[in-house]
Each structure stands twice: as C-alpha cells, then as structure tokens.
Amino acid sequence: MMVDTAGCKMGESGEVNESKMNVGEADIAISLYKKILSYGVEAKHIAILTPYSKQVSFIKALLH
C-alpha cells in the first residue's frame, strides 16, 4: 500500500542539508500499521518505508 500525502498540507520539518521529518505522515503510517496488525498480519510482514533517517527515528520512537 502506498499513501500519497501530496496536497494534504503536512509540512516537513528539518533544516537545509538535514534529514526531514513529517509528524502528520508518521501518524498516518502508525495508524495504518496498527490497523493492519488488527487484521492479523504479523509485524514482521509489515514495512514502513521512508527515505528520511529522521522520519525513521521518529516512527521507531512512536512504535516503542
């Protein structure tokens, strides 16, 4: 599943030449992750992909 958030007015934070983070996109990813888990899919079969290391760190923090 791919979720396109273009045009949803969810701005990224991060300085120039710095990794980016988007709280709104992270919230959507976590919500969908939990929904998929509720259908019985094992966590090891779910991937959340983002090109930004800062976003990865933020999502991991939300999951733990």
Foldseek 3Di string as FASTA:
>chain_A
DDDDCPPVPFDWDDDVVAFIATPVVLVVVVVVLVVVVVVVDDNVPDDDDDPGPVHVVVSVVVVD
